Amino acid sequence: MRVIVVGAGVIGLTVGVRLREAGFEAHVVARDLPLETTSAVAAAIWYPYLAFPRERVLVWSTRTLEVLDNLAASDPAAGVTVRLGTELVREPASDPWWADAVPALRSRTDVPAPYRQGWTFATPIVEMPVYLGWLVRRFVQLGGTVTRMTLAGLPDRADVVVNCSGLGARGLVGDTSVEPVRGQVLTVAPFGLDEWLLDTSGPTYVVPRSNDVVIGGTELAGRWDRRVDVATSQHILDRATALLPELKGVEVLSSRVGLRPARPAVRLESERTGGGCQVIHCYGHGGAGVTLSWGCADEVVELVESGS
């Protein structure tokens, strides 16, 4: 059975890998190659963010956490590490809605002002340029191909088409409910930080990786501009330094912008075209593409196998 996957971000590549592992002849086509996608910009900490509905997101993210934890333990080339870190909040709150996925999550009140509470837990950090390269290699080793191709609509010469086009779904299938949420991030030189830190108001986050530290960010709905805004970069750095004073004077290495594909609900469903082709839509993952990727890919495989 021939399957065409549209989209070469983390969702499309992960779907391609899972389909190949299941024995399907899957190939990826996309306008943007992996390192040109929003996925390549992400700080990529496992954290369910801007993705709905919660019930399905919890299932997908729990499965993905299992896979990423295993990769961190078994394959250094994947660029996945598990790091301890803390989420901070300014008002007392109950445990996060996704806490069941992280049994070792620990609530704490010994947090600095102006914060009132926090949660400490270990979670995968995914270095996206490395990880996307690993996904491509895995996919190609299994016999898949990744082809740059600009499409006016979904392909119709395959047994199955999997639409992982993210924001591209607006043009490919006319879905105007998927909208950009602009995110800008900085990378700075490493300064001995081992644990990540997150303040969801902003959001403001500091995520250490092997050769740099990612600092963010912004959450601007409906903004299509991909150009780096210098004033925004300074504002991000100021917020992050207030959160973590050790950032003062750190060397800024780069600034980048990504457009998260947000939607009222992740679209993961199957339909049949008039010509009988099965089309599976898998897009609208918001700021949680990495966090949901393996769980969603497993469900796509189930839909292909069932033919429904």
C-alpha atoms as a PDB file:
ATOM      1  CA  MET A   1       0.000   0.000   0.000  1.00  0.00           C
ATOM      2  CA  ARG A   2       1.446   3.371  -1.072  1.00  0.00           C
ATOM      3  CA  VAL A   3       1.126   6.239   1.396  1.00  0.00           C
ATOM      4  CA  ILE A   4       2.030   9.874   0.733  1.00  0.00           C
ATOM      5  CA  VAL A   5       2.668  12.003   3.813  1.00  0.00           C
ATOM      6  CA  VAL A   6       2.345  15.741   3.221  1.00  0.00           C
ATOM      7  CA  GLY A   7       4.572  17.789   5.514  1.00  0.00           C
ATOM      8  CA  ALA A   8       8.172  17.346   6.711  1.00  0.00           C
ATOM      9  CA  GLY A   9       7.962  18.805  10.201  1.00  0.00           C
ATOM     10  CA  VAL A  10       8.158  16.638  13.291  1.00  0.00           C
ATOM     11  CA  ILE A  11       4.608  15.314  12.802  1.00  0.00           C
ATOM     12  CA  GLY A  12       5.057  14.330   9.154  1.00  0.00           C
ATOM     13  CA  LEU A  13       8.435  12.692   9.699  1.00  0.00           C
ATOM     14  CA  THR A  14       7.280  10.768  12.764  1.00  0.00           C
ATOM     15  CA  VAL A  15       4.200   9.555  10.909  1.00  0.00           C
ATOM     16  CA  GLY A  16       6.428   8.494   8.025  1.00  0.00           C
ATOM     17  CA  VAL A  17       8.716   6.525  10.331  1.00  0.00           C
ATOM     18  CA  ARG A  18       5.831   4.748  12.043  1.00  0.00           C
ATOM     19  CA  LEU A  19       4.193   3.862   8.719  1.00  0.00           C
ATOM     20  CA  ARG A  20       7.462   2.429   7.394  1.00  0.00           C
ATOM     21  CA  GLU A  21       7.969   0.450  10.610  1.00  0.00           C
ATOM     22  CA  ALA A  22       4.466  -0.974  10.121  1.00  0.00           C
ATOM     23  CA  GLY A  23       5.386  -2.150   6.619  1.00  0.00           C
ATOM     24  CA  PHE A  24       3.718   0.526   4.480  1.00  0.00           C
ATOM     25  CA  GLU A  25       5.383   2.132   1.465  1.00  0.00           C
ATOM     26  CA  ALA A  26       5.378   5.669   2.835  1.00  0.00           C
ATOM     27  CA  HIS A  27       7.033   8.746   1.311  1.00  0.00           C
ATOM     28  CA  VAL A  28       7.087  12.377   2.460  1.00  0.00           C
ATOM     29  CA  VAL A  29       6.496  15.396   0.220  1.00  0.00           C
ATOM     30  CA  ALA A  30       6.638  18.960   1.491  1.00  0.00           C
ATOM     31  CA  ARG A  31       7.164  22.558   0.451  1.00  0.00           C
ATOM     32  CA  ASP A  32       9.601  23.085   3.330  1.00  0.00           C
ATOM     33  CA  LEU A  33      12.332  20.606   4.199  1.00  0.00           C
ATOM     34  CA  PRO A  34      12.731  19.606   7.869  1.00  0.00           C
ATOM     35  CA  LEU A  35      15.246  22.267   8.932  1.00  0.00           C
ATOM     36  CA  GLU A  36      13.086  24.960   7.307  1.00  0.00           C
ATOM     37  CA  THR A  37       9.982  24.118   9.320  1.00  0.00           C
ATOM     38  CA  THR A  38       8.647  25.581  12.558  1.00  0.00           C
ATOM     39  CA  SER A  39       9.692  22.317  14.207  1.00  0.00           C
ATOM     40  CA  ALA A  40      13.340  23.309  13.739  1.00  0.00           C
ATOM     41  CA  VAL A  41      12.817  26.491  15.787  1.00  0.00           C
ATOM     42  CA  ALA A  42      11.151  24.887  18.807  1.00  0.00           C
ATOM     43  CA  ALA A  43      12.777  24.714  22.232  1.00  0.00           C
ATOM     44  CA  ALA A  44      11.066  21.307  22.234  1.00  0.00           C
ATOM     45  CA  ILE A  45      10.556  20.464  25.857  1.00  0.00           C
ATOM     46  CA  TRP A  46       7.935  17.751  26.392  1.00  0.00           C
ATOM     47  CA  TYR A  47       5.000  19.834  27.636  1.00  0.00           C
ATOM     48  CA  PRO A  48       1.379  19.779  26.418  1.00  0.00           C
ATOM     49  CA  TYR A  49       0.879  23.366  25.215  1.00  0.00           C
ATOM     50  CA  LEU A  50      -1.731  25.044  22.997  1.00  0.00           C
ATOM     51  CA  ALA A  51      -3.229  21.712  21.960  1.00  0.00           C
ATOM     52  CA  PHE A  52      -6.799  20.450  22.414  1.00  0.00           C
ATOM     53  CA  PRO A  53      -8.929  18.554  23.396  1.00  0.00           C
ATOM     54  CA  ARG A  54      -7.263  17.612  26.637  1.00  0.00           C
ATOM     55  CA  GLU A  55      -8.571  14.036  26.712  1.00  0.00           C
ATOM     56  CA  ARG A  56      -6.969  13.093  23.397  1.00  0.00           C
ATOM     57  CA  VAL A  57      -3.885  15.233  24.015  1.00  0.00           C
ATOM     58  CA  LEU A  58      -3.229  13.378  27.274  1.00  0.00           C
ATOM     59  CA  VAL A  59      -3.298  10.018  25.476  1.00  0.00           C
ATOM     60  CA  TRP A  60      -1.008  11.188  22.664  1.00  0.00           C
ATOM     61  CA  SER A  61       1.425  12.998  24.953  1.00  0.00           C
ATOM     62  CA  THR A  62       1.666  10.069  27.391  1.00  0.00           C
ATOM     63  CA  ARG A  63       2.634   7.737  24.554  1.00  0.00           C
ATOM     64  CA  THR A  64       5.144  10.236  23.186  1.00  0.00           C
ATOM     65  CA  LEU A  65       6.733  10.652  26.602  1.00  0.00           C
ATOM     66  CA  GLU A  66       7.355   6.902  26.733  1.00  0.00           C
ATOM     67  CA  VAL A  67       9.054   6.932  23.326  1.00  0.00           C
ATOM     68  CA  LEU A  68      11.206   9.985  24.061  1.00  0.00           C
ATOM     69  CA  ASP A  69      12.278   8.599  27.420  1.00  0.00           C
ATOM     70  CA  ASN A  70      13.357   5.387  25.672  1.00  0.00           C
ATOM     71  CA  LEU A  71      15.254   7.308  22.991  1.00  0.00           C
ATOM     72  CA  ALA A  72      17.073   9.345  25.619  1.00  0.00           C
ATOM     73  CA  ALA A  73      18.165   6.131  27.308  1.00  0.00           C
ATOM     74  CA  SER A  74      19.060   4.130  24.215  1.00  0.00           C
ATOM     75  CA  ASP A  75      20.192   6.364  21.324  1.00  0.00           C
ATOM     76  CA  PRO A  76      22.434   9.402  21.954  1.00  0.00           C
ATOM     77  CA  ALA A  77      22.337  10.250  18.239  1.00  0.00           C
ATOM     78  CA  ALA A  78      18.646  11.188  18.520  1.00  0.00           C
ATOM     79  CA  GLY A  79      19.431  14.385  20.419  1.00  0.00           C
ATOM     80  CA  VAL A  80      17.006  13.656  23.277  1.00  0.00           C
ATOM     81  CA  THR A  81      17.974  14.119  26.923  1.00  0.00           C
ATOM     82  CA  VAL A  82      15.878  13.962  30.079  1.00  0.00           C
ATOM     83  CA  ARG A  83      16.393  16.962  32.346  1.00  0.00           C
ATOM     84  CA  LEU A  84      14.935  17.994  35.661  1.00  0.00           C
ATOM     85  CA  GLY A  85      13.234  21.378  35.760  1.00  0.00           C
ATOM     86  CA  THR A  86      10.553  23.499  37.390  1.00  0.00           C
ATOM     87  CA  GLU A  87       7.405  25.234  36.240  1.00  0.00           C
ATOM     88  CA  LEU A  88       6.587  28.310  38.355  1.00  0.00           C
ATOM     89  CA  VAL A  89       3.213  30.007  38.906  1.00  0.00           C
ATOM     90  CA  ARG A  90       2.325  33.294  40.580  1.00  0.00           C
ATOM     91  CA  GLU A  91      -0.830  32.056  42.306  1.00  0.00           C
ATOM     92  CA  PRO A  92      -1.473  28.750  44.119  1.00  0.00           C
ATOM     93  CA  ALA A  93      -3.018  26.188  41.792  1.00  0.00           C
ATOM     94  CA  SER A  94      -3.907  22.511  41.580  1.00  0.00           C
ATOM     95  CA  ASP A  95      -1.623  20.089  39.767  1.00  0.00           C
ATOM     96  CA  PRO A  96      -1.488  20.488  35.961  1.00  0.00           C
ATOM     97  CA  TRP A  97      -4.230  18.688  34.023  1.00  0.00           C
ATOM     98  CA  TRP A  98      -1.579  16.498  32.378  1.00  0.00           C
ATOM     99  CA  ALA A  99       0.041  15.440  35.696  1.00  0.00           C
ATOM    100  CA  ASP A 100      -1.098  11.812  35.302  1.00  0.00           C
ATOM    101  CA  ALA A 101       1.423  11.445  32.474  1.00  0.00           C
ATOM    102  CA  VAL A 102       4.268  12.364  34.839  1.00  0.00           C
ATOM    103  CA  PRO A 103       3.943  10.253  38.017  1.00  0.00           C
ATOM    104  CA  ALA A 104       7.133  11.741  39.530  1.00  0.00           C
ATOM    105  CA  LEU A 105       5.861  15.327  39.337  1.00  0.00           C
ATOM    106  CA  ARG A 106       6.419  17.054  42.688  1.00  0.00           C
ATOM    107  CA  SER A 107       4.560  20.149  43.898  1.00  0.00           C
ATOM    108  CA  ARG A 108       6.605  22.678  45.833  1.00  0.00           C
ATOM    109  CA  THR A 109       6.152  25.989  47.622  1.00  0.00           C
ATOM    110  CA  ASP A 110       9.834  26.765  48.282  1.00  0.00           C
ATOM    111  CA  VAL A 111       9.969  29.073  45.250  1.00  0.00           C
ATOM    112  CA  PRO A 112      11.323  32.622  44.905  1.00  0.00           C
ATOM    113  CA  ALA A 113       9.069  35.696  44.884  1.00  0.00           C
ATOM    114  CA  PRO A 114       6.930  36.713  43.054  1.00  0.00           C
ATOM    115  CA  TYR A 115       6.049  33.034  42.569  1.00  0.00           C
ATOM    116  CA  ARG A 116       3.840  31.155  44.999  1.00  0.00           C
ATOM    117  CA  GLN A 117       4.111  27.576  43.792  1.00  0.00           C
ATOM    118  CA  GLY A 118       5.893  25.294  41.373  1.00  0.00           C
ATOM    119  CA  TRP A 119       6.138  21.768  40.001  1.00  0.00           C
ATOM    120  CA  THR A 120       9.421  19.984  39.553  1.00  0.00           C
ATOM    121  CA  PHE A 121       9.696  17.041  37.192  1.00  0.00           C
ATOM    122  CA  ALA A 122      12.045  15.411  34.713  1.00  0.00           C
ATOM    123  CA  THR A 123      11.055  15.678  31.077  1.00  0.00           C
ATOM    124  CA  PRO A 124      12.665  15.104  27.668  1.00  0.00           C
ATOM    125  CA  ILE A 125      14.441  18.010  25.994  1.00  0.00           C
ATOM    126  CA  VAL A 126      14.679  17.488  22.242  1.00  0.00           C
ATOM    127  CA  GLU A 127      17.390  19.283  20.271  1.00  0.00           C
ATOM    128  CA  MET A 128      15.389  19.801  17.126  1.00  0.00           C
ATOM    129  CA  PRO A 129      18.054  20.213  14.418  1.00  0.00           C
ATOM    130  CA  VAL A 130      19.676  16.984  15.668  1.00  0.00           C
ATOM    131  CA  TYR A 131      16.379  15.182  16.189  1.00  0.00           C
ATOM    132  CA  LEU A 132      14.935  16.104  12.798  1.00  0.00           C
ATOM    133  CA  GLY A 133      18.103  14.778  11.174  1.00  0.00           C
ATOM    134  CA  TRP A 134      17.719  11.564  13.176  1.00  0.00           C
ATOM    135  CA  LEU A 135      14.097  11.182  12.041  1.00  0.00           C
ATOM    136  CA  VAL A 136      15.090  11.689   8.393  1.00  0.00           C
ATOM    137  CA  ARG A 137      17.875   9.125   8.652  1.00  0.00           C
ATOM    138  CA  ARG A 138      15.564   6.627  10.320  1.00  0.00           C
ATOM    139  CA  PHE A 139      12.925   7.174   7.644  1.00  0.00           C
ATOM    140  CA  VAL A 140      15.400   6.827   4.771  1.00  0.00           C
ATOM    141  CA  GLN A 141      16.980   3.714   6.313  1.00  0.00           C
ATOM    142  CA  LEU A 142      13.503   2.178   6.271  1.00  0.00           C
ATOM    143  CA  GLY A 143      13.159   2.964   2.549  1.00  0.00           C
ATOM    144  CA  GLY A 144      11.305   6.278   2.672  1.00  0.00           C
ATOM    145  CA  THR A 145      12.075   9.416   0.689  1.00  0.00           C
ATOM    146  CA  VAL A 146      11.658  13.116   1.474  1.00  0.00           C
ATOM    147  CA  THR A 147      10.915  15.285  -1.571  1.00  0.00           C
ATOM    148  CA  ARG A 148      10.525  19.037  -1.817  1.00  0.00           C
ATOM    149  CA  MET A 149       7.296  19.738  -3.642  1.00  0.00           C
ATOM    150  CA  THR A 150       4.919  22.698  -3.696  1.00  0.00           C
ATOM    151  CA  LEU A 151       1.340  21.448  -3.834  1.00  0.00           C
ATOM    152  CA  ALA A 152      -1.848  23.238  -4.853  1.00  0.00           C
ATOM    153  CA  GLY A 153      -3.904  20.512  -3.154  1.00  0.00           C
ATOM    154  CA  LEU A 154      -3.499  17.109  -1.591  1.00  0.00           C
ATOM    155  CA  PRO A 155      -2.069  14.387  -3.873  1.00  0.00           C
ATOM    156  CA  ASP A 156      -4.580  11.990  -5.419  1.00  0.00           C
ATOM    157  CA  ARG A 157      -2.287   9.263  -6.755  1.00  0.00           C
ATOM    158  CA  ALA A 158      -1.812   7.138  -3.666  1.00  0.00           C
ATOM    159  CA  ASP A 159      -3.781   4.602  -1.716  1.00  0.00           C
ATOM    160  CA  VAL A 160      -3.555   6.796   1.367  1.00  0.00           C
ATOM    161  CA  VAL A 161      -2.625  10.452   1.877  1.00  0.00           C
ATOM    162  CA  VAL A 162      -1.731  11.700   5.357  1.00  0.00           C
ATOM    163  CA  ASN A 163      -2.123  15.447   5.683  1.00  0.00           C
ATOM    164  CA  CYS A 164       0.497  16.685   8.166  1.00  0.00           C
ATOM    165  CA  SER A 165       0.729  20.117   6.586  1.00  0.00           C
ATOM    166  CA  GLY A 166       0.218  22.248   9.702  1.00  0.00           C
ATOM    167  CA  LEU A 167      -0.629  25.796   8.659  1.00  0.00           C
ATOM    168  CA  GLY A 168      -0.525  24.603   5.057  1.00  0.00           C
ATOM    169  CA  ALA A 169      -3.934  23.020   5.642  1.00  0.00           C
ATOM    170  CA  ARG A 170      -5.450  26.476   5.152  1.00  0.00           C
ATOM    171  CA  GLY A 171      -4.535  26.321   1.465  1.00  0.00           C
ATOM    172  CA  LEU A 172      -4.505  22.583   0.847  1.00  0.00           C
ATOM    173  CA  VAL A 173      -7.909  21.758   2.341  1.00  0.00           C
ATOM    174  CA  GLY A 174      -9.395  25.202   3.011  1.00  0.00           C
ATOM    175  CA  ASP A 175      -9.306  24.879   6.798  1.00  0.00           C
ATOM    176  CA  THR A 176      -9.267  28.474   8.062  1.00  0.00           C
ATOM    177  CA  SER A 177      -9.675  27.305  11.669  1.00  0.00           C
ATOM    178  CA  VAL A 178      -5.941  26.568  11.829  1.00  0.00           C
ATOM    179  CA  GLU A 179      -4.111  29.803  12.604  1.00  0.00           C
ATOM    180  CA  PRO A 180      -0.541  30.860  13.377  1.00  0.00           C
ATOM    181  CA  VAL A 181       0.648  31.581  16.888  1.00  0.00           C
ATOM    182  CA  ARG A 182       3.930  33.407  16.445  1.00  0.00           C
ATOM    183  CA  GLY A 183       6.800  32.323  18.658  1.00  0.00           C
ATOM    184  CA  GLN A 184      10.179  34.046  18.857  1.00  0.00           C
ATOM    185  CA  VAL A 185      13.145  32.496  20.646  1.00  0.00           C
ATOM    186  CA  LEU A 186      16.798  33.219  21.325  1.00  0.00           C
ATOM    187  CA  THR A 187      19.732  30.906  21.746  1.00  0.00           C
ATOM    188  CA  VAL A 188      22.529  31.920  24.091  1.00  0.00           C
ATOM    189  CA  ALA A 189      25.898  30.460  24.974  1.00  0.00           C
ATOM    190  CA  PRO A 190      25.893  27.786  27.679  1.00  0.00           C
ATOM    191  CA  PHE A 191      26.611  29.085  31.185  1.00  0.00           C
ATOM    192  CA  GLY A 192      26.546  25.988  33.353  1.00  0.00           C
ATOM    193  CA  LEU A 193      22.775  25.604  33.570  1.00  0.00           C
ATOM    194  CA  ASP A 194      21.601  22.014  33.988  1.00  0.00           C
ATOM    195  CA  GLU A 195      17.861  22.412  34.710  1.00  0.00           C
ATOM    196  CA  TRP A 196      15.110  24.038  32.656  1.00  0.00           C
ATOM    197  CA  LEU A 197      12.834  26.718  34.061  1.00  0.00           C
ATOM    198  CA  LEU A 198       9.372  27.823  32.930  1.00  0.00           C
ATOM    199  CA  ASP A 199       6.997  30.662  33.815  1.00  0.00           C
ATOM    200  CA  THR A 200       3.834  30.049  31.797  1.00  0.00           C
ATOM    201  CA  SER A 201       2.777  33.695  31.995  1.00  0.00           C
ATOM    202  CA  GLY A 202       4.451  35.146  28.933  1.00  0.00           C
ATOM    203  CA  PRO A 203       5.506  32.409  28.334  1.00  0.00           C
ATOM    204  CA  THR A 204       9.064  32.689  29.638  1.00  0.00           C
ATOM    205  CA  TYR A 205      11.341  29.669  29.535  1.00  0.00           C
ATOM    206  CA  VAL A 206      15.017  28.792  29.722  1.00  0.00           C
ATOM    207  CA  VAL A 207      15.939  25.401  28.295  1.00  0.00           C
ATOM    208  CA  PRO A 208      19.568  24.135  28.341  1.00  0.00           C
ATOM    209  CA  ARG A 209      20.803  21.940  25.508  1.00  0.00           C
ATOM    210  CA  SER A 210      24.185  20.379  24.785  1.00  0.00           C
ATOM    211  CA  ASN A 211      25.754  23.394  23.017  1.00  0.00           C
ATOM    212  CA  ASP A 212      23.420  26.296  23.789  1.00  0.00           C
ATOM    213  CA  VAL A 213      20.428  27.444  25.833  1.00  0.00           C
ATOM    214  CA  VAL A 214      17.048  28.286  24.290  1.00  0.00           C
ATOM    215  CA  ILE A 215      15.228  31.283  25.741  1.00  0.00           C
ATOM    216  CA  GLY A 216      11.660  32.228  24.918  1.00  0.00           C
ATOM    217  CA  GLY A 217       9.248  33.310  24.083  1.00  0.00           C
ATOM    218  CA  THR A 218       6.111  34.828  22.612  1.00  0.00           C
ATOM    219  CA  GLU A 219       2.546  33.672  21.997  1.00  0.00           C
ATOM    220  CA  LEU A 220       1.028  36.006  19.394  1.00  0.00           C
ATOM    221  CA  ALA A 221      -2.103  34.590  17.767  1.00  0.00           C
ATOM    222  CA  GLY A 222      -2.891  35.474  14.173  1.00  0.00           C
ATOM    223  CA  ARG A 223       0.582  36.866  13.410  1.00  0.00           C
ATOM    224  CA  TRP A 224       2.188  35.634  10.180  1.00  0.00           C
ATOM    225  CA  ASP A 225       5.409  37.669  10.343  1.00  0.00           C
ATOM    226  CA  ARG A 226       8.496  35.434  10.435  1.00  0.00           C
ATOM    227  CA  ARG A 227      11.016  38.263  10.729  1.00  0.00           C
ATOM    228  CA  VAL A 228      12.940  38.558  13.978  1.00  0.00           C
ATOM    229  CA  ASP A 229      11.921  41.628  15.967  1.00  0.00           C
ATOM    230  CA  VAL A 230      14.911  43.100  17.819  1.00  0.00           C
ATOM    231  CA  ALA A 231      12.800  44.787  20.490  1.00  0.00           C
ATOM    232  CA  THR A 232      10.976  41.508  21.150  1.00  0.00           C
ATOM    233  CA  SER A 233      14.298  39.693  21.521  1.00  0.00           C
ATOM    234  CA  GLN A 234      15.381  42.189  24.168  1.00  0.00           C
ATOM    235  CA  HIS A 235      12.048  41.873  25.964  1.00  0.00           C
ATOM    236  CA  ILE A 236      12.385  38.071  26.003  1.00  0.00           C
ATOM    237  CA  LEU A 237      15.916  38.344  27.371  1.00  0.00           C
ATOM    238  CA  ASP A 238      14.817  40.808  30.063  1.00  0.00           C
ATOM    239  CA  ARG A 239      11.957  38.520  31.179  1.00  0.00           C
ATOM    240  CA  ALA A 240      14.222  35.496  31.211  1.00  0.00           C
ATOM    241  CA  THR A 241      16.871  37.346  33.221  1.00  0.00           C
ATOM    242  CA  ALA A 242      14.250  38.345  35.781  1.00  0.00           C
ATOM    243  CA  LEU A 243      13.345  34.666  36.015  1.00  0.00           C
ATOM    244  CA  LEU A 244      16.978  33.527  36.131  1.00  0.00           C
ATOM    245  CA  PRO A 245      19.458  36.306  37.054  1.00  0.00           C
ATOM    246  CA  GLU A 246      22.423  34.153  35.954  1.00  0.00           C
ATOM    247  CA  LEU A 247      21.502  35.102  32.378  1.00  0.00           C
ATOM    248  CA  LYS A 248      22.777  38.652  32.883  1.00  0.00           C
ATOM    249  CA  GLY A 249      25.523  39.378  30.349  1.00  0.00           C
ATOM    250  CA  VAL A 250      25.247  36.034  28.555  1.00  0.00           C
ATOM    251  CA  GLU A 251      26.249  35.943  24.878  1.00  0.00           C
ATOM    252  CA  VAL A 252      23.289  35.839  22.466  1.00  0.00           C
ATOM    253  CA  LEU A 253      23.987  33.452  19.586  1.00  0.00           C
ATOM    254  CA  SER A 254      20.838  33.683  17.433  1.00  0.00           C
ATOM    255  CA  SER A 255      17.185  34.708  17.205  1.00  0.00           C
ATOM    256  CA  ARG A 256      14.493  32.842  15.288  1.00  0.00           C
ATOM    257  CA  VAL A 257      10.747  32.881  14.697  1.00  0.00           C
ATOM    258  CA  GLY A 258       8.327  29.986  14.206  1.00  0.00           C
ATOM    259  CA  LEU A 259       4.607  29.917  13.527  1.00  0.00           C
ATOM    260  CA  ARG A 260       2.800  27.320  15.622  1.00  0.00           C
ATOM    261  CA  PRO A 261      -0.181  25.703  13.828  1.00  0.00           C
ATOM    262  CA  ALA A 262      -2.967  26.237  16.370  1.00  0.00           C
ATOM    263  CA  ARG A 263      -6.524  24.979  16.013  1.00  0.00           C
ATOM    264  CA  PRO A 264      -9.536  24.691  18.377  1.00  0.00           C
ATOM    265  CA  ALA A 265      -8.869  20.924  18.289  1.00  0.00           C
ATOM    266  CA  VAL A 266      -6.126  18.821  16.758  1.00  0.00           C
ATOM    267  CA  ARG A 267      -7.549  17.329  13.588  1.00  0.00           C
ATOM    268  CA  LEU A 268      -6.778  13.621  13.500  1.00  0.00           C
ATOM    269  CA  GLU A 269      -9.427  11.846  11.479  1.00  0.00           C
ATOM    270  CA  SER A 270      -9.921   9.825   8.304  1.00  0.00           C
ATOM    271  CA  GLU A 271     -12.144  10.430   5.303  1.00  0.00           C
ATOM    272  CA  ARG A 272     -12.608   9.088   1.776  1.00  0.00           C
ATOM    273  CA  THR A 273     -12.334  11.190  -1.354  1.00  0.00           C
ATOM    274  CA  GLY A 274     -14.698  10.806  -4.271  1.00  0.00           C
ATOM    275  CA  GLY A 275     -12.048   8.712  -5.993  1.00  0.00           C
ATOM    276  CA  GLY A 276     -11.817   6.314  -3.052  1.00  0.00           C
ATOM    277  CA  CYS A 277      -8.483   7.503  -1.671  1.00  0.00           C
ATOM    278  CA  GLN A 278      -8.221   7.440   2.109  1.00  0.00           C
ATOM    279  CA  VAL A 279      -7.153  10.819   3.491  1.00  0.00           C
ATOM    280  CA  ILE A 280      -6.028  11.062   7.086  1.00  0.00           C
ATOM    281  CA  HIS A 281      -5.726  14.549   8.505  1.00  0.00           C
ATOM    282  CA  CYS A 282      -3.158  15.061  11.264  1.00  0.00           C
ATOM    283  CA  TYR A 283      -2.535  18.749  11.949  1.00  0.00           C
ATOM    284  CA  GLY A 284      -3.299  21.606  14.308  1.00  0.00           C
ATOM    285  CA  HIS A 285      -0.924  20.553  17.098  1.00  0.00           C
ATOM    286  CA  GLY A 286      -0.330  24.115  18.325  1.00  0.00           C
ATOM    287  CA  GLY A 287       2.785  24.355  20.450  1.00  0.00           C
ATOM    288  CA  ALA A 288       2.926  20.627  21.165  1.00  0.00           C
ATOM    289  CA  GLY A 289       4.048  19.004  17.930  1.00  0.00           C
ATOM    290  CA  VAL A 290       6.973  17.186  19.515  1.00  0.00           C
ATOM    291  CA  THR A 291       4.933  16.381  22.633  1.00  0.00           C
ATOM    292  CA  LEU A 292       2.158  14.684  20.638  1.00  0.00           C
ATOM    293  CA  SER A 293       4.152  13.306  17.718  1.00  0.00           C
ATOM    294  CA  TRP A 294       4.558   9.605  18.504  1.00  0.00           C
ATOM    295  CA  GLY A 295       1.090   9.210  19.979  1.00  0.00           C
ATOM    296  CA  CYS A 296      -0.495  10.792  16.920  1.00  0.00           C
ATOM    297  CA  ALA A 297       1.685   8.751  14.571  1.00  0.00           C
ATOM    298  CA  ASP A 298       0.565   5.531  16.247  1.00  0.00           C
ATOM    299  CA  GLU A 299      -3.074   6.536  15.762  1.00  0.00           C
ATOM    300  CA  VAL A 300      -2.448   7.334  12.091  1.00  0.00           C
ATOM    301  CA  VAL A 301      -1.036   3.829  11.607  1.00  0.00           C
ATOM    302  CA  GLU A 302      -4.133   2.364  13.255  1.00  0.00           C
ATOM    303  CA  LEU A 303      -6.353   4.312  10.847  1.00  0.00           C
ATOM    304  CA  VAL A 304      -4.367   3.115   7.833  1.00  0.00           C
ATOM    305  CA  GLU A 305      -4.454  -0.483   9.005  1.00  0.00           C
ATOM    306  CA  SER A 306      -8.192  -0.363   9.610  1.00  0.00           C
ATOM    307  CA  GLY A 307      -8.902   1.452   6.345  1.00  0.00           C
ATOM    308  CA  SER A 308     -11.527   3.529   8.146  1.00  0.00           C
END
